[in-house]
Amino acid sequence: MANNNETKPGQIQVNMQPEVEKGVYSNLVIMSNTDTEFIFDFTFKHPAVQRATVGARVQMHPAHAKRLLNLLAQNIRNYEQHFGEIELSEPTPPQPKGPISPFKLN
């Protein structure tokens, strides 16, 4: 029987700290980029609160961001082949609370 600690060619071993293992739930990702990196802020936005909290920030080289895009696209194709198409609903625009403008309009 093979040792579980052995890696096959092209594979790496990944260690995970216990505080990272629990993961971070995100329902909103804010992305930005410079000429040398992409920045992903994984946030949680509670529907009743107008403020989002960043749970994790990931920075990566543009080539790694493109690899992530390809990997995510392939995994979504696999998911949809197994479970069916993921339906995207249009978010409802927030309704204004109180006056839209501080100025009185005639």
PDB file of N, CA and C in Angstrom:
ATOM      1  N   MET A   1       0.843  -1.169   0.000  1.00  0.00           N
ATOM      2  CA  MET A   1       0.000   0.000   0.000  1.00  0.00           C
ATOM      3  C   MET A   1       0.892   1.237   0.000  1.00  0.00           C
ATOM      4  N   ALA A   2       0.518   2.255  -0.774  1.00  0.00           N
ATOM      5  CA  ALA A   2       1.333   3.461  -0.902  1.00  0.00           C
ATOM      6  C   ALA A   2       1.194   4.324   0.346  1.00  0.00           C
ATOM      7  N   ASN A   3       2.254   5.031   0.651  1.00  0.00           N
ATOM      8  CA  ASN A   3       2.271   5.959   1.765  1.00  0.00           C
ATOM      9  C   ASN A   3       1.463   7.202   1.372  1.00  0.00           C
ATOM     10  N   ASN A   4       0.524   7.641   2.204  1.00  0.00           N
ATOM     11  CA  ASN A   4      -0.304   8.802   1.895  1.00  0.00           C
ATOM     12  C   ASN A   4       0.490  10.093   1.829  1.00  0.00           C
ATOM     13  N   ASN A   5       1.705  10.113   2.385  1.00  0.00           N
ATOM     14  CA  ASN A   5       2.515  11.313   2.366  1.00  0.00           C
ATOM     15  C   ASN A   5       3.313  11.446   1.074  1.00  0.00           C
ATOM     16  N   GLU A   6       3.306  10.410   0.232  1.00  0.00           N
ATOM     17  CA  GLU A   6       4.033  10.475  -1.032  1.00  0.00           C
ATOM     18  C   GLU A   6       3.204  11.240  -2.052  1.00  0.00           C
ATOM     19  N   THR A   7       3.902  12.024  -2.887  1.00  0.00           N
ATOM     20  CA  THR A   7       3.211  12.741  -3.947  1.00  0.00           C
ATOM     21  C   THR A   7       3.604  12.151  -5.288  1.00  0.00           C
ATOM     22  N   LYS A   8       2.669  12.189  -6.211  1.00  0.00           N
ATOM     23  CA  LYS A   8       2.919  11.741  -7.568  1.00  0.00           C
ATOM     24  C   LYS A   8       3.545  12.897  -8.339  1.00  0.00           C
ATOM     25  N   PRO A   9       4.214  12.623  -9.451  1.00  0.00           N
ATOM     26  CA  PRO A   9       4.781  13.714 -10.248  1.00  0.00           C
ATOM     27  C   PRO A   9       3.696  14.729 -10.637  1.00  0.00           C
ATOM     28  N   GLY A  10       4.010  16.007 -10.495  1.00  0.00           N
ATOM     29  CA  GLY A  10       3.055  17.057 -10.829  1.00  0.00           C
ATOM     30  C   GLY A  10       2.121  17.424  -9.696  1.00  0.00           C
ATOM     31  N   GLN A  11       2.172  16.712  -8.566  1.00  0.00           N
ATOM     32  CA  GLN A  11       1.319  17.016  -7.425  1.00  0.00           C
ATOM     33  C   GLN A  11       2.158  17.639  -6.317  1.00  0.00           C
ATOM     34  N   ILE A  12       1.495  18.411  -5.481  1.00  0.00           N
ATOM     35  CA  ILE A  12       2.167  18.981  -4.309  1.00  0.00           C
ATOM     36  C   ILE A  12       1.351  18.656  -3.074  1.00  0.00           C
ATOM     37  N   GLN A  13       2.006  18.631  -1.950  1.00  0.00           N
ATOM     38  CA  GLN A  13       1.295  18.486  -0.688  1.00  0.00           C
ATOM     39  C   GLN A  13       0.882  19.867  -0.209  1.00  0.00           C
ATOM     40  N   VAL A  14      -0.322  19.972   0.327  1.00  0.00           N
ATOM     41  CA  VAL A  14      -0.841  21.242   0.814  1.00  0.00           C
ATOM     42  C   VAL A  14      -1.146  21.092   2.296  1.00  0.00           C
ATOM     43  N   ASN A  15      -0.593  21.982   3.093  1.00  0.00           N
ATOM     44  CA  ASN A  15      -0.884  22.022   4.529  1.00  0.00           C
ATOM     45  C   ASN A  15      -1.876  23.152   4.773  1.00  0.00           C
ATOM     46  N   MET A  16      -2.788  22.941   5.725  1.00  0.00           N
ATOM     47  CA  MET A  16      -3.782  23.961   6.033  1.00  0.00           C
ATOM     48  C   MET A  16      -3.816  24.189   7.535  1.00  0.00           C
ATOM     49  N   GLN A  17      -3.714  25.444   7.910  1.00  0.00           N
ATOM     50  CA  GLN A  17      -3.797  25.808   9.316  1.00  0.00           C
ATOM     51  C   GLN A  17      -5.243  25.648   9.788  1.00  0.00           C
ATOM     52  N   PRO A  18      -5.460  25.229  11.038  1.00  0.00           N
ATOM     53  CA  PRO A  18      -6.828  25.022  11.545  1.00  0.00           C
ATOM     54  C   PRO A  18      -7.721  26.251  11.406  1.00  0.00           C
ATOM     55  N   GLU A  19      -7.179  27.449  11.605  1.00  0.00           N
ATOM     56  CA  GLU A  19      -8.011  28.652  11.504  1.00  0.00           C
ATOM     57  C   GLU A  19      -8.416  28.946  10.061  1.00  0.00           C
ATOM     58  N   VAL A  20      -7.695  28.424   9.092  1.00  0.00           N
ATOM     59  CA  VAL A  20      -8.046  28.593   7.679  1.00  0.00           C
ATOM     60  C   VAL A  20      -8.998  27.487   7.231  1.00  0.00           C
ATOM     61  N   GLU A  21      -8.873  26.318   7.836  1.00  0.00           N
ATOM     62  CA  GLU A  21      -9.650  25.146   7.435  1.00  0.00           C
ATOM     63  C   GLU A  21     -11.159  25.375   7.517  1.00  0.00           C
ATOM     64  N   LYS A  22     -11.617  26.182   8.468  1.00  0.00           N
ATOM     65  CA  LYS A  22     -13.060  26.406   8.617  1.00  0.00           C
ATOM     66  C   LYS A  22     -13.632  27.201   7.448  1.00  0.00           C
ATOM     67  N   GLY A  23     -12.814  27.925   6.720  1.00  0.00           N
ATOM     68  CA  GLY A  23     -13.272  28.653   5.545  1.00  0.00           C
ATOM     69  C   GLY A  23     -13.937  29.971   5.883  1.00  0.00           C
ATOM     70  N   VAL A  24     -14.270  30.719   4.847  1.00  0.00           N
ATOM     71  CA  VAL A  24     -14.932  32.011   4.973  1.00  0.00           C
ATOM     72  C   VAL A  24     -16.090  32.017   3.992  1.00  0.00           C
ATOM     73  N   TYR A  25     -17.298  32.334   4.454  1.00  0.00           N
ATOM     74  CA  TYR A  25     -18.442  32.444   3.560  1.00  0.00           C
ATOM     75  C   TYR A  25     -18.424  33.815   2.901  1.00  0.00           C
ATOM     76  N   SER A  26     -18.657  33.842   1.598  1.00  0.00           N
ATOM     77  CA  SER A  26     -18.678  35.104   0.868  1.00  0.00           C
ATOM     78  C   SER A  26     -19.860  35.110  -0.087  1.00  0.00           C
ATOM     79  N   ASN A  27     -20.607  36.218  -0.088  1.00  0.00           N
ATOM     80  CA  ASN A  27     -21.685  36.375  -1.061  1.00  0.00           C
ATOM     81  C   ASN A  27     -21.473  37.613  -1.931  1.00  0.00           C
ATOM     82  N   LEU A  28     -20.285  38.196  -1.820  1.00  0.00           N
ATOM     83  CA  LEU A  28     -19.921  39.359  -2.630  1.00  0.00           C
ATOM     84  C   LEU A  28     -18.399  39.393  -2.745  1.00  0.00           C
ATOM     85  N   VAL A  29     -17.906  39.520  -3.968  1.00  0.00           N
ATOM     86  CA  VAL A  29     -16.468  39.630  -4.184  1.00  0.00           C
ATOM     87  C   VAL A  29     -16.199  40.964  -4.845  1.00  0.00           C
ATOM     88  N   ILE A  30     -15.286  41.715  -4.257  1.00  0.00           N
ATOM     89  CA  ILE A  30     -14.881  42.995  -4.819  1.00  0.00           C
ATOM     90  C   ILE A  30     -13.505  42.777  -5.432  1.00  0.00           C
ATOM     91  N   MET A  31     -13.384  43.070  -6.716  1.00  0.00           N
ATOM     92  CA  MET A  31     -12.117  42.833  -7.406  1.00  0.00           C
ATOM     93  C   MET A  31     -11.527  44.154  -7.869  1.00  0.00           C
ATOM     94  N   SER A  32     -10.217  44.207  -7.825  1.00  0.00           N
ATOM     95  CA  SER A  32      -9.483  45.330  -8.393  1.00  0.00           C
ATOM     96  C   SER A  32      -8.169  44.779  -8.923  1.00  0.00           C
ATOM     97  N   ASN A  33      -7.471  45.585  -9.680  1.00  0.00           N
ATOM     98  CA  ASN A  33      -6.197  45.117 -10.203  1.00  0.00           C
ATOM     99  C   ASN A  33      -5.257  46.279 -10.473  1.00  0.00           C
ATOM    100  N   THR A  34      -3.990  45.941 -10.473  1.00  0.00           N
ATOM    101  CA  THR A  34      -2.936  46.835 -10.933  1.00  0.00           C
ATOM    102  C   THR A  34      -2.320  46.154 -12.144  1.00  0.00           C
ATOM    103  N   ASP A  35      -1.238  46.706 -12.653  1.00  0.00           N
ATOM    104  CA  ASP A  35      -0.590  46.062 -13.790  1.00  0.00           C
ATOM    105  C   ASP A  35       0.146  44.787 -13.391  1.00  0.00           C
ATOM    106  N   THR A  36       0.326  44.553 -12.094  1.00  0.00           N
ATOM    107  CA  THR A  36       1.091  43.380 -11.655  1.00  0.00           C
ATOM    108  C   THR A  36       0.321  42.405 -10.787  1.00  0.00           C
ATOM    109  N   GLU A  37      -0.926  42.748 -10.381  1.00  0.00           N
ATOM    110  CA  GLU A  37      -1.664  41.831  -9.521  1.00  0.00           C
ATOM    111  C   GLU A  37      -3.164  42.063  -9.599  1.00  0.00           C
ATOM    112  N   PHE A  38      -3.904  41.001  -9.285  1.00  0.00           N
ATOM    113  CA  PHE A  38      -5.348  41.079  -9.096  1.00  0.00           C
ATOM    114  C   PHE A  38      -5.602  40.934  -7.607  1.00  0.00           C
ATOM    115  N   ILE A  39      -6.571  41.676  -7.108  1.00  0.00           N
ATOM    116  CA  ILE A  39      -6.916  41.653  -5.689  1.00  0.00           C
ATOM    117  C   ILE A  39      -8.391  41.279  -5.576  1.00  0.00           C
ATOM    118  N   PHE A  40      -8.662  40.229  -4.799  1.00  0.00           N
ATOM    119  CA  PHE A  40     -10.021  39.751  -4.573  1.00  0.00           C
ATOM    120  C   PHE A  40     -10.339  39.919  -3.089  1.00  0.00           C
ATOM    121  N   ASP A  41     -11.323  40.744  -2.776  1.00  0.00           N
ATOM    122  CA  ASP A  41     -11.804  40.881  -1.406  1.00  0.00           C
ATOM    123  C   ASP A  41     -13.097  40.078  -1.300  1.00  0.00           C
ATOM    124  N   PHE A  42     -13.032  38.959  -0.589  1.00  0.00           N
ATOM    125  CA  PHE A  42     -14.201  38.108  -0.382  1.00  0.00           C
ATOM    126  C   PHE A  42     -14.939  38.644   0.833  1.00  0.00           C
ATOM    127  N   THR A  43     -16.169  39.102   0.610  1.00  0.00           N
ATOM    128  CA  THR A  43     -16.910  39.787   1.657  1.00  0.00           C
ATOM    129  C   THR A  43     -18.235  39.092   1.935  1.00  0.00           C
ATOM    130  N   PHE A  44     -18.800  39.417   3.073  1.00  0.00           N
ATOM    131  CA  PHE A  44     -20.153  38.992   3.419  1.00  0.00           C
ATOM    132  C   PHE A  44     -20.999  40.240   3.550  1.00  0.00           C
ATOM    133  N   LYS A  45     -22.085  40.299   2.790  1.00  0.00           N
ATOM    134  CA  LYS A  45     -23.021  41.415   2.834  1.00  0.00           C
ATOM    135  C   LYS A  45     -24.347  40.905   3.369  1.00  0.00           C
ATOM    136  N   HIS A  46     -24.684  41.295   4.590  1.00  0.00           N
ATOM    137  CA  HIS A  46     -25.979  40.925   5.169  1.00  0.00           C
ATOM    138  C   HIS A  46     -27.047  41.752   4.469  1.00  0.00           C
ATOM    139  N   PRO A  47     -28.158  41.132   4.063  1.00  0.00           N
ATOM    140  CA  PRO A  47     -29.188  41.849   3.306  1.00  0.00           C
ATOM    141  C   PRO A  47     -29.760  43.069   4.025  1.00  0.00           C
ATOM    142  N   ALA A  48     -29.799  43.059   5.338  1.00  0.00           N
ATOM    143  CA  ALA A  48     -30.417  44.158   6.077  1.00  0.00           C
ATOM    144  C   ALA A  48     -29.427  45.253   6.457  1.00  0.00           C
ATOM    145  N   VAL A  49     -28.170  45.091   6.103  1.00  0.00           N
ATOM    146  CA  VAL A  49     -27.148  46.054   6.501  1.00  0.00           C
ATOM    147  C   VAL A  49     -26.484  46.604   5.247  1.00  0.00           C
ATOM    148  N   GLN A  50     -26.233  47.904   5.229  1.00  0.00           N
ATOM    149  CA  GLN A  50     -25.640  48.531   4.054  1.00  0.00           C
ATOM    150  C   GLN A  50     -24.114  48.529   4.088  1.00  0.00           C
ATOM    151  N   ARG A  51     -23.541  47.592   4.807  1.00  0.00           N
ATOM    152  CA  ARG A  51     -22.088  47.521   4.920  1.00  0.00           C
ATOM    153  C   ARG A  51     -21.657  46.072   4.760  1.00  0.00           C
ATOM    154  N   ALA A  52     -20.586  45.853   4.014  1.00  0.00           N
ATOM    155  CA  ALA A  52     -20.048  44.507   3.819  1.00  0.00           C
ATOM    156  C   ALA A  52     -18.766  44.363   4.628  1.00  0.00           C
ATOM    157  N   THR A  53     -18.508  43.148   5.095  1.00  0.00           N
ATOM    158  CA  THR A  53     -17.305  42.865   5.875  1.00  0.00           C
ATOM    159  C   THR A  53     -16.393  41.945   5.080  1.00  0.00           C
ATOM    160  N   VAL A  54     -15.141  42.355   4.935  1.00  0.00           N
ATOM    161  CA  VAL A  54     -14.167  41.529   4.212  1.00  0.00           C
ATOM    162  C   VAL A  54     -13.721  40.397   5.126  1.00  0.00           C
ATOM    163  N   GLY A  55     -13.912  39.157   4.645  1.00  0.00           N
ATOM    164  CA  GLY A  55     -13.501  37.988   5.401  1.00  0.00           C
ATOM    165  C   GLY A  55     -12.131  37.497   4.997  1.00  0.00           C
ATOM    166  N   ALA A  56     -11.756  37.757   3.736  1.00  0.00           N
ATOM    167  CA  ALA A  56     -10.451  37.321   3.244  1.00  0.00           C
ATOM    168  C   ALA A  56     -10.071  38.159   2.034  1.00  0.00           C
ATOM    169  N   ARG A  57      -8.800  38.454   1.909  1.00  0.00           N
ATOM    170  CA  ARG A  57      -8.254  39.131   0.732  1.00  0.00           C
ATOM    171  C   ARG A  57      -7.247  38.193   0.090  1.00  0.00           C
ATOM    172  N   VAL A  58      -7.374  38.027  -1.217  1.00  0.00           N
ATOM    173  CA  VAL A  58      -6.439  37.191  -1.970  1.00  0.00           C
ATOM    174  C   VAL A  58      -5.839  38.047  -3.068  1.00  0.00           C
ATOM    175  N   GLN A  59      -4.534  38.061  -3.140  1.00  0.00           N
ATOM    176  CA  GLN A  59      -3.815  38.789  -4.178  1.00  0.00           C
ATOM    177  C   GLN A  59      -3.082  37.776  -5.031  1.00  0.00           C
ATOM    178  N   MET A  60      -3.131  37.966  -6.359  1.00  0.00           N
ATOM    179  CA  MET A  60      -2.412  37.037  -7.218  1.00  0.00           C
ATOM    180  C   MET A  60      -1.949  37.707  -8.502  1.00  0.00           C
ATOM    181  N   HIS A  61      -0.931  37.115  -9.087  1.00  0.00           N
ATOM    182  CA  HIS A  61      -0.379  37.557 -10.364  1.00  0.00           C
ATOM    183  C   HIS A  61      -1.445  37.385 -11.448  1.00  0.00           C
ATOM    184  N   PRO A  62      -1.476  38.254 -12.461  1.00  0.00           N
ATOM    185  CA  PRO A  62      -2.481  38.124 -13.522  1.00  0.00           C
ATOM    186  C   PRO A  62      -2.530  36.738 -14.170  1.00  0.00           C
ATOM    187  N   ALA A  63      -1.389  36.090 -14.351  1.00  0.00           N
ATOM    188  CA  ALA A  63      -1.395  34.744 -14.949  1.00  0.00           C
ATOM    189  C   ALA A  63      -2.107  33.753 -14.034  1.00  0.00           C
ATOM    190  N   HIS A  64      -1.928  33.878 -12.731  1.00  0.00           N
ATOM    191  CA  HIS A  64      -2.623  32.991 -11.794  1.00  0.00           C
ATOM    192  C   HIS A  64      -4.121  33.303 -11.769  1.00  0.00           C
ATOM    193  N   ALA A  65      -4.483  34.585 -11.907  1.00  0.00           N
ATOM    194  CA  ALA A  65      -5.900  34.952 -11.960  1.00  0.00           C
ATOM    195  C   ALA A  65      -6.565  34.322 -13.187  1.00  0.00           C
ATOM    196  N   LYS A  66      -5.859  34.309 -14.312  1.00  0.00           N
ATOM    197  CA  LYS A  66      -6.419  33.690 -15.513  1.00  0.00           C
ATOM    198  C   LYS A  66      -6.537  32.183 -15.339  1.00  0.00           C
ATOM    199  N   ARG A  67      -5.564  31.556 -14.675  1.00  0.00           N
ATOM    200  CA  ARG A  67      -5.666  30.126 -14.375  1.00  0.00           C
ATOM    201  C   ARG A  67      -6.870  29.854 -13.479  1.00  0.00           C
ATOM    202  N   LEU A  68      -7.094  30.738 -12.498  1.00  0.00           N
ATOM    203  CA  LEU A  68      -8.259  30.603 -11.621  1.00  0.00           C
ATOM    204  C   LEU A  68      -9.550  30.709 -12.427  1.00  0.00           C
ATOM    205  N   LEU A  69      -9.620  31.659 -13.354  1.00  0.00           N
ATOM    206  CA  LEU A  69     -10.788  31.807 -14.213  1.00  0.00           C
ATOM    207  C   LEU A  69     -11.063  30.515 -14.985  1.00  0.00           C
ATOM    208  N   ASN A  70     -10.034  29.939 -15.585  1.00  0.00           N
ATOM    209  CA  ASN A  70     -10.203  28.700 -16.346  1.00  0.00           C
ATOM    210  C   ASN A  70     -10.625  27.539 -15.456  1.00  0.00           C
ATOM    211  N   LEU A  71     -10.028  27.439 -14.280  1.00  0.00           N
ATOM    212  CA  LEU A  71     -10.366  26.371 -13.341  1.00  0.00           C
ATOM    213  C   LEU A  71     -11.805  26.518 -12.854  1.00  0.00           C
ATOM    214  N   LEU A  72     -12.212  27.734 -12.545  1.00  0.00           N
ATOM    215  CA  LEU A  72     -13.582  27.976 -12.095  1.00  0.00           C
ATOM    216  C   LEU A  72     -14.582  27.661 -13.204  1.00  0.00           C
ATOM    217  N   ALA A  73     -14.281  28.063 -14.442  1.00  0.00           N
ATOM    218  CA  ALA A  73     -15.174  27.776 -15.570  1.00  0.00           C
ATOM    219  C   ALA A  73     -15.328  26.268 -15.763  1.00  0.00           C
ATOM    220  N   GLN A  74     -14.229  25.522 -15.676  1.00  0.00           N
ATOM    221  CA  GLN A  74     -14.304  24.067 -15.846  1.00  0.00           C
ATOM    222  C   GLN A  74     -15.115  23.428 -14.719  1.00  0.00           C
ATOM    223  N   ASN A  75     -14.921  23.895 -13.494  1.00  0.00           N
ATOM    224  CA  ASN A  75     -15.668  23.341 -12.370  1.00  0.00           C
ATOM    225  C   ASN A  75     -17.151  23.676 -12.454  1.00  0.00           C
ATOM    226  N   ILE A  76     -17.495  24.844 -12.960  1.00  0.00           N
ATOM    227  CA  ILE A  76     -18.912  25.185 -13.142  1.00  0.00           C
ATOM    228  C   ILE A  76     -19.525  24.304 -14.229  1.00  0.00           C
ATOM    229  N   ARG A  77     -18.796  24.064 -15.327  1.00  0.00           N
ATOM    230  CA  ARG A  77     -19.300  23.155 -16.363  1.00  0.00           C
ATOM    231  C   ARG A  77     -19.551  21.765 -15.776  1.00  0.00           C
ATOM    232  N   ASN A  78     -18.598  21.264 -14.996  1.00  0.00           N
ATOM    233  CA  ASN A  78     -18.756  19.944 -14.364  1.00  0.00           C
ATOM    234  C   ASN A  78     -19.961  19.922 -13.425  1.00  0.00           C
ATOM    235  N   TYR A  79     -20.118  20.951 -12.624  1.00  0.00           N
ATOM    236  CA  TYR A  79     -21.241  21.049 -11.688  1.00  0.00           C
ATOM    237  C   TYR A  79     -22.560  21.016 -12.452  1.00  0.00           C
ATOM    238  N   GLU A  80     -22.661  21.839 -13.516  1.00  0.00           N
ATOM    239  CA  GLU A  80     -23.915  21.927 -14.254  1.00  0.00           C
ATOM    240  C   GLU A  80     -24.231  20.635 -15.010  1.00  0.00           C
ATOM    241  N   GLN A  81     -23.217  19.916 -15.454  1.00  0.00           N
ATOM    242  CA  GLN A  81     -23.460  18.623 -16.090  1.00  0.00           C
ATOM    243  C   GLN A  81     -24.050  17.632 -15.091  1.00  0.00           C
ATOM    244  N   HIS A  82     -23.633  17.741 -13.861  1.00  0.00           N
ATOM    245  CA  HIS A  82     -24.097  16.809 -12.824  1.00  0.00           C
ATOM    246  C   HIS A  82     -25.413  17.248 -12.185  1.00  0.00           C
ATOM    247  N   PHE A  83     -25.561  18.542 -11.880  1.00  0.00           N
ATOM    248  CA  PHE A  83     -26.707  19.036 -11.109  1.00  0.00           C
ATOM    249  C   PHE A  83     -27.683  19.897 -11.909  1.00  0.00           C
ATOM    250  N   GLY A  84     -27.343  20.276 -13.126  1.00  0.00           N
ATOM    251  CA  GLY A  84     -28.199  21.168 -13.912  1.00  0.00           C
ATOM    252  C   GLY A  84     -27.689  22.593 -13.886  1.00  0.00           C
ATOM    253  N   GLU A  85     -28.256  23.386 -14.773  1.00  0.00           N
ATOM    254  CA  GLU A  85     -27.783  24.758 -14.951  1.00  0.00           C
ATOM    255  C   GLU A  85     -27.989  25.596 -13.687  1.00  0.00           C
ATOM    256  N   ILE A  86     -27.018  26.401 -13.393  1.00  0.00           N
ATOM    257  CA  ILE A  86     -27.106  27.355 -12.287  1.00  0.00           C
ATOM    258  C   ILE A  86     -27.859  28.574 -12.814  1.00  0.00           C
ATOM    259  N   GLU A  87     -29.001  28.857 -12.207  1.00  0.00           N
ATOM    260  CA  GLU A  87     -29.806  30.003 -12.635  1.00  0.00           C
ATOM    261  C   GLU A  87     -29.316  31.258 -11.926  1.00  0.00           C
ATOM    262  N   LEU A  88     -29.135  32.309 -12.694  1.00  0.00           N
ATOM    263  CA  LEU A  88     -28.755  33.603 -12.124  1.00  0.00           C
ATOM    264  C   LEU A  88     -29.977  34.503 -12.118  1.00  0.00           C
ATOM    265  N   SER A  89     -30.325  34.983 -10.953  1.00  0.00           N
ATOM    266  CA  SER A  89     -31.438  35.922 -10.863  1.00  0.00           C
ATOM    267  C   SER A  89     -30.865  37.330 -10.815  1.00  0.00           C
ATOM    268  N   GLU A  90     -31.611  38.244 -11.367  1.00  0.00           N
ATOM    269  CA  GLU A  90     -31.177  39.637 -11.327  1.00  0.00           C
ATOM    270  C   GLU A  90     -31.408  40.174  -9.919  1.00  0.00           C
ATOM    271  N   PRO A  91     -30.393  40.805  -9.352  1.00  0.00           N
ATOM    272  CA  PRO A  91     -30.606  41.370  -8.008  1.00  0.00           C
ATOM    273  C   PRO A  91     -31.610  42.515  -8.079  1.00  0.00           C
ATOM    274  N   THR A  92     -32.436  42.596  -7.056  1.00  0.00           N
ATOM    275  CA  THR A  92     -33.396  43.693  -7.020  1.00  0.00           C
ATOM    276  C   THR A  92     -32.663  44.953  -6.592  1.00  0.00           C
ATOM    277  N   PRO A  93     -32.874  46.049  -7.318  1.00  0.00           N
ATOM    278  CA  PRO A  93     -32.176  47.282  -6.944  1.00  0.00           C
ATOM    279  C   PRO A  93     -32.647  47.767  -5.586  1.00  0.00           C
ATOM    280  N   PRO A  94     -31.740  48.338  -4.808  1.00  0.00           N
ATOM    281  CA  PRO A  94     -32.160  48.833  -3.487  1.00  0.00           C
ATOM    282  C   PRO A  94     -33.163  49.969  -3.643  1.00  0.00           C
ATOM    283  N   GLN A  95     -34.160  49.963  -2.786  1.00  0.00           N
ATOM    284  CA  GLN A  95     -35.163  51.018  -2.807  1.00  0.00           C
ATOM    285  C   GLN A  95     -34.681  52.171  -1.940  1.00  0.00           C
ATOM    286  N   PRO A  96     -34.809  53.401  -2.449  1.00  0.00           N
ATOM    287  CA  PRO A  96     -34.359  54.545  -1.646  1.00  0.00           C
ATOM    288  C   PRO A  96     -35.165  54.662  -0.356  1.00  0.00           C
ATOM    289  N   LYS A  97     -34.477  55.050   0.691  1.00  0.00           N
ATOM    290  CA  LYS A  97     -35.122  55.278   1.988  1.00  0.00           C
ATOM    291  C   LYS A  97     -35.019  56.774   2.271  1.00  0.00           C
ATOM    292  N   GLY A  98     -36.138  57.422   2.349  1.00  0.00           N
ATOM    293  CA  GLY A  98     -36.121  58.855   2.601  1.00  0.00           C
ATOM    294  C   GLY A  98     -35.904  59.607   1.308  1.00  0.00           C
ATOM    295  N   PRO A  99     -35.566  60.883   1.403  1.00  0.00           N
ATOM    296  CA  PRO A  99     -35.415  61.696   0.195  1.00  0.00           C
ATOM    297  C   PRO A  99     -34.229  61.234  -0.643  1.00  0.00           C
ATOM    298  N   ILE A 100     -34.430  61.264  -1.955  1.00  0.00           N
ATOM    299  CA  ILE A 100     -33.349  60.893  -2.870  1.00  0.00           C
ATOM    300  C   ILE A 100     -32.329  62.015  -2.934  1.00  0.00           C
ATOM    301  N   SER A 101     -32.803  63.253  -2.850  1.00  0.00           N
ATOM    302  CA  SER A 101     -31.927  64.417  -2.946  1.00  0.00           C
ATOM    303  C   SER A 101     -32.162  65.299  -1.724  1.00  0.00           C
ATOM    304  N   PRO A 102     -31.093  65.920  -1.220  1.00  0.00           N
ATOM    305  CA  PRO A 102     -31.294  66.832  -0.089  1.00  0.00           C
ATOM    306  C   PRO A 102     -31.950  68.137  -0.529  1.00  0.00           C
ATOM    307  N   PHE A 103     -32.077  68.348  -1.846  1.00  0.00           N
ATOM    308  CA  PHE A 103     -32.661  69.575  -2.375  1.00  0.00           C
ATOM    309  C   PHE A 103     -34.123  69.347  -2.705  1.00  0.00           C
ATOM    310  N   LYS A 104     -34.934  70.381  -2.491  1.00  0.00           N
ATOM    311  CA  LYS A 104     -36.351  70.299  -2.849  1.00  0.00           C
ATOM    312  C   LYS A 104     -36.488  70.518  -4.341  1.00  0.00           C
ATOM    313  N   LEU A 105     -37.150  69.557  -4.990  1.00  0.00           N
ATOM    314  CA  LEU A 105     -37.358  69.668  -6.424  1.00  0.00           C
ATOM    315  C   LEU A 105     -38.773  70.121  -6.701  1.00  0.00           C
ATOM    316  N   ASN A 106     -38.952  71.020  -7.669  1.00  0.00           N
ATOM    317  CA  ASN A 106     -40.286  71.498  -8.031  1.00  0.00           C
ATOM    318  C   ASN A 106     -40.848  70.663  -9.134  1.00  0.00           C
TER     319      ASN A 106
END
